[in-house]
Amino acid sequence: MAIGVTESYVTVAEADAYLILNQVWLDTDYGIKNNALLQARYYIDATYSGCFDQSSPPDEVKYASSLLGADFVSSGDLFYSNSQAVKMKRTKAGSVETEKEFIGASKQKPASIGQVDALMAALGCVKTSGTVFLMRA
């Protein structure tokens, strides 16, 4: 993800056209949509590499951004950091009792991730692992 990026790959008007059947998206405030589409760009930039000109994204990227924007509006997250419930387990055997706390829910992927992966793969995008290697001169 580039620092200082403030423009999404798709305009709100274009996303509205792609998501014409998504009533939740259509009912969402313009500013929230704009932020959701920017979050979609951050997700695409962080997840896929080397497959399109960022200054002129193809329709596949615009559609993928729209799908991810709708996911962001629905879930509030694209990076799998959904809030997780803490669960507690107690075990008692005779006079001995133990208590453990743990995370009970798993992180949820965006609903459209399968479609987005297919769209990006069609462009030849490589899904990144999230690991960045730096070389010193």
C-alpha atoms as a PDB file:
ATOM      1  CA  MET A   1       0.000   0.000   0.000  1.00  0.00           C
ATOM      2  CA  ALA A   2       1.407   3.321  -1.010  1.00  0.00           C
ATOM      3  CA  ILE A   3       1.596   5.976   1.666  1.00  0.00           C
ATOM      4  CA  GLY A   4      -0.486   9.032   0.872  1.00  0.00           C
ATOM      5  CA  VAL A   5      -2.830   7.345  -1.625  1.00  0.00           C
ATOM      6  CA  THR A   6      -6.132   9.195  -1.481  1.00  0.00           C
ATOM      7  CA  GLU A   7      -7.917   8.045  -4.639  1.00  0.00           C
ATOM      8  CA  SER A   8      -9.697   4.756  -5.163  1.00  0.00           C
ATOM      9  CA  TYR A   9      -9.518   2.708  -8.351  1.00  0.00           C
ATOM     10  CA  VAL A  10     -13.209   3.319  -9.072  1.00  0.00           C
ATOM     11  CA  THR A  11     -15.499   6.315  -8.630  1.00  0.00           C
ATOM     12  CA  VAL A  12     -18.619   6.132  -6.502  1.00  0.00           C
ATOM     13  CA  ALA A  13     -20.735   6.557  -9.655  1.00  0.00           C
ATOM     14  CA  GLU A  14     -18.960   3.624 -11.345  1.00  0.00           C
ATOM     15  CA  ALA A  15     -19.356   1.467  -8.234  1.00  0.00           C
ATOM     16  CA  ASP A  16     -23.074   2.362  -8.105  1.00  0.00           C
ATOM     17  CA  ALA A  17     -23.401   1.078 -11.669  1.00  0.00           C
ATOM     18  CA  TYR A  18     -21.537  -2.168 -10.882  1.00  0.00           C
ATOM     19  CA  LEU A  19     -23.571  -2.702  -7.708  1.00  0.00           C
ATOM     20  CA  ILE A  20     -26.972  -1.665  -9.067  1.00  0.00           C
ATOM     21  CA  LEU A  21     -28.638  -4.717  -7.432  1.00  0.00           C
ATOM     22  CA  ASN A  22     -27.035  -4.173  -4.017  1.00  0.00           C
ATOM     23  CA  GLN A  23     -29.606  -2.096  -2.119  1.00  0.00           C
ATOM     24  CA  VAL A  24     -27.434  -1.768   1.000  1.00  0.00           C
ATOM     25  CA  TRP A  25     -24.705  -0.180  -1.138  1.00  0.00           C
ATOM     26  CA  LEU A  26     -27.122   2.105  -2.956  1.00  0.00           C
ATOM     27  CA  ASP A  27     -28.631   3.317   0.344  1.00  0.00           C
ATOM     28  CA  THR A  28     -25.213   4.148   1.814  1.00  0.00           C
ATOM     29  CA  ASP A  29     -24.046   7.762   2.173  1.00  0.00           C
ATOM     30  CA  TYR A  30     -21.652   9.056  -0.521  1.00  0.00           C
ATOM     31  CA  GLY A  31     -18.826   9.753   1.960  1.00  0.00           C
ATOM     32  CA  ILE A  32     -19.010   6.262   3.429  1.00  0.00           C
ATOM     33  CA  LYS A  33     -18.964   4.755  -0.077  1.00  0.00           C
ATOM     34  CA  ASN A  34     -15.938   6.854  -0.992  1.00  0.00           C
ATOM     35  CA  ASN A  35     -14.079   5.685   2.119  1.00  0.00           C
ATOM     36  CA  ALA A  36     -15.086   2.055   1.450  1.00  0.00           C
ATOM     37  CA  LEU A  37     -13.694   2.264  -2.082  1.00  0.00           C
ATOM     38  CA  LEU A  38     -10.442   3.726  -0.763  1.00  0.00           C
ATOM     39  CA  GLN A  39     -10.218   0.822   1.719  1.00  0.00           C
ATOM     40  CA  ALA A  40     -10.782  -1.526  -1.237  1.00  0.00           C
ATOM     41  CA  ARG A  41      -7.800   0.050  -2.997  1.00  0.00           C
ATOM     42  CA  TYR A  42      -5.649  -0.436   0.089  1.00  0.00           C
ATOM     43  CA  TYR A  43      -6.728  -4.080   0.201  1.00  0.00           C
ATOM     44  CA  ILE A  44      -5.950  -4.643  -3.494  1.00  0.00           C
ATOM     45  CA  ASP A  45      -2.576  -2.889  -3.208  1.00  0.00           C
ATOM     46  CA  ALA A  46      -1.653  -4.969  -0.156  1.00  0.00           C
ATOM     47  CA  THR A  47      -2.902  -8.284  -1.558  1.00  0.00           C
ATOM     48  CA  TYR A  48      -2.037  -8.368  -5.281  1.00  0.00           C
ATOM     49  CA  SER A  49       1.054  -7.276  -7.127  1.00  0.00           C
ATOM     50  CA  GLY A  50       2.346  -6.403 -10.561  1.00  0.00           C
ATOM     51  CA  CYS A  51      -0.617  -6.798 -12.859  1.00  0.00           C
ATOM     52  CA  PHE A  52      -2.053  -3.454 -13.965  1.00  0.00           C
ATOM     53  CA  ASP A  53      -1.297   0.218 -14.424  1.00  0.00           C
ATOM     54  CA  GLN A  54      -2.498   1.914 -11.233  1.00  0.00           C
ATOM     55  CA  SER A  55      -3.051   5.215 -13.012  1.00  0.00           C
ATOM     56  CA  SER A  56      -5.504   3.576 -15.440  1.00  0.00           C
ATOM     57  CA  PRO A  57      -7.064   0.519 -13.759  1.00  0.00           C
ATOM     58  CA  PRO A  58      -8.929  -1.919 -16.029  1.00  0.00           C
ATOM     59  CA  ASP A  59     -12.627  -2.722 -15.578  1.00  0.00           C
ATOM     60  CA  GLU A  60     -11.789  -5.923 -13.651  1.00  0.00           C
ATOM     61  CA  VAL A  61     -10.027  -3.879 -10.975  1.00  0.00           C
ATOM     62  CA  LYS A  62     -12.877  -1.375 -10.855  1.00  0.00           C
ATOM     63  CA  TYR A  63     -15.404  -4.190 -10.403  1.00  0.00           C
ATOM     64  CA  ALA A  64     -13.233  -5.917  -7.776  1.00  0.00           C
ATOM     65  CA  SER A  65     -12.916  -2.593  -5.925  1.00  0.00           C
ATOM     66  CA  SER A  66     -16.681  -2.168  -6.026  1.00  0.00           C
ATOM     67  CA  LEU A  67     -17.256  -5.642  -4.590  1.00  0.00           C
ATOM     68  CA  LEU A  68     -14.726  -5.025  -1.814  1.00  0.00           C
ATOM     69  CA  GLY A  69     -16.253  -1.605  -1.128  1.00  0.00           C
ATOM     70  CA  ALA A  70     -19.643  -3.247  -0.617  1.00  0.00           C
ATOM     71  CA  ASP A  71     -18.010  -5.788   1.726  1.00  0.00           C
ATOM     72  CA  PHE A  72     -16.466  -2.930   3.702  1.00  0.00           C
ATOM     73  CA  VAL A  73     -19.859  -1.228   4.028  1.00  0.00           C
ATOM     74  CA  SER A  74     -21.373  -4.516   5.263  1.00  0.00           C
ATOM     75  CA  SER A  75     -18.640  -5.638   7.651  1.00  0.00           C
ATOM     76  CA  GLY A  76     -16.543  -2.540   8.358  1.00  0.00           C
ATOM     77  CA  ASP A  77     -13.351  -4.460   7.628  1.00  0.00           C
ATOM     78  CA  LEU A  78     -11.424  -6.015   4.756  1.00  0.00           C
ATOM     79  CA  PHE A  79      -8.254  -7.018   6.569  1.00  0.00           C
ATOM     80  CA  TYR A  80      -9.766  -9.817   8.679  1.00  0.00           C
ATOM     81  CA  SER A  81      -9.480  -7.969  11.984  1.00  0.00           C
ATOM     82  CA  ASN A  82     -13.115  -8.543  12.893  1.00  0.00           C
ATOM     83  CA  SER A  83     -13.753  -8.319  16.611  1.00  0.00           C
ATOM     84  CA  GLN A  84     -13.559 -11.695  18.306  1.00  0.00           C
ATOM     85  CA  ALA A  85     -15.353 -12.862  21.398  1.00  0.00           C
ATOM     86  CA  VAL A  86     -13.306 -14.048  24.356  1.00  0.00           C
ATOM     87  CA  LYS A  87     -14.589 -17.333  25.720  1.00  0.00           C
ATOM     88  CA  MET A  88     -13.907 -18.921  29.050  1.00  0.00           C
ATOM     89  CA  LYS A  89     -13.696 -22.622  29.846  1.00  0.00           C
ATOM     90  CA  ARG A  90     -13.809 -24.012  33.374  1.00  0.00           C
ATOM     91  CA  THR A  91     -12.853 -27.530  34.274  1.00  0.00           C
ATOM     92  CA  LYS A  92     -13.397 -29.029  37.716  1.00  0.00           C
ATOM     93  CA  ALA A  93     -12.112 -32.384  38.893  1.00  0.00           C
ATOM     94  CA  GLY A  94     -12.752 -32.950  42.567  1.00  0.00           C
ATOM     95  CA  SER A  95     -11.309 -30.036  44.507  1.00  0.00           C
ATOM     96  CA  VAL A  96      -9.142 -28.838  41.585  1.00  0.00           C
ATOM     97  CA  GLU A  97     -10.561 -26.220  39.236  1.00  0.00           C
ATOM     98  CA  THR A  98      -8.936 -24.589  36.203  1.00  0.00           C
ATOM     99  CA  GLU A  99     -10.075 -21.678  34.102  1.00  0.00           C
ATOM    100  CA  LYS A 100      -8.885 -20.714  30.597  1.00  0.00           C
ATOM    101  CA  GLU A 101      -9.727 -17.775  28.357  1.00  0.00           C
ATOM    102  CA  PHE A 102      -9.389 -17.952  24.596  1.00  0.00           C
ATOM    103  CA  ILE A 103     -10.584 -16.359  21.391  1.00  0.00           C
ATOM    104  CA  GLY A 104     -13.705 -18.164  20.268  1.00  0.00           C
ATOM    105  CA  ALA A 105     -14.326 -16.815  16.762  1.00  0.00           C
ATOM    106  CA  SER A 106     -12.228 -16.922  13.657  1.00  0.00           C
ATOM    107  CA  LYS A 107     -11.610 -13.928  11.444  1.00  0.00           C
ATOM    108  CA  GLN A 108     -13.949 -13.639   8.489  1.00  0.00           C
ATOM    109  CA  LYS A 109     -12.783 -12.999   4.959  1.00  0.00           C
ATOM    110  CA  PRO A 110     -14.661 -10.489   2.824  1.00  0.00           C
ATOM    111  CA  ALA A 111     -17.710 -12.173   1.253  1.00  0.00           C
ATOM    112  CA  SER A 112     -16.652 -11.406  -2.322  1.00  0.00           C
ATOM    113  CA  ILE A 113     -13.040 -12.575  -1.974  1.00  0.00           C
ATOM    114  CA  GLY A 114     -13.551 -15.534  -4.345  1.00  0.00           C
ATOM    115  CA  GLN A 115     -14.851 -13.256  -7.091  1.00  0.00           C
ATOM    116  CA  VAL A 116     -12.118 -10.707  -6.446  1.00  0.00           C
ATOM    117  CA  ASP A 117      -9.412 -13.399  -6.585  1.00  0.00           C
ATOM    118  CA  ALA A 118     -10.811 -14.641  -9.912  1.00  0.00           C
ATOM    119  CA  LEU A 119     -10.958 -11.130 -11.389  1.00  0.00           C
ATOM    120  CA  MET A 120      -7.415 -10.333 -10.316  1.00  0.00           C
ATOM    121  CA  ALA A 121      -6.081 -13.719 -11.473  1.00  0.00           C
ATOM    122  CA  ALA A 122      -7.585 -13.061 -14.916  1.00  0.00           C
ATOM    123  CA  LEU A 123      -5.298 -10.016 -15.104  1.00  0.00           C
ATOM    124  CA  GLY A 124      -2.274 -12.092 -14.112  1.00  0.00           C
ATOM    125  CA  CYS A 125      -2.070 -10.670 -10.613  1.00  0.00           C
ATOM    126  CA  VAL A 126       0.014 -12.541  -8.089  1.00  0.00           C
ATOM    127  CA  LYS A 127      -1.402 -12.763  -4.589  1.00  0.00           C
ATOM    128  CA  THR A 128       1.242 -11.516  -2.176  1.00  0.00           C
ATOM    129  CA  SER A 129       2.075 -13.223   1.080  1.00  0.00           C
ATOM    130  CA  GLY A 130       2.279 -10.013   3.053  1.00  0.00           C
ATOM    131  CA  THR A 131       6.032 -10.467   3.556  1.00  0.00           C
ATOM    132  CA  VAL A 132       8.202  -7.614   2.387  1.00  0.00           C
ATOM    133  CA  PHE A 133      11.884  -8.139   1.750  1.00  0.00           C
ATOM    134  CA  LEU A 134      14.202  -5.135   1.894  1.00  0.00           C
ATOM    135  CA  MET A 135      17.665  -5.005   0.391  1.00  0.00           C
ATOM    136  CA  ARG A 136      20.337  -2.714   1.700  1.00  0.00           C
ATOM    137  CA  ALA A 137      22.733  -1.090  -0.686  1.00  0.00           C
END
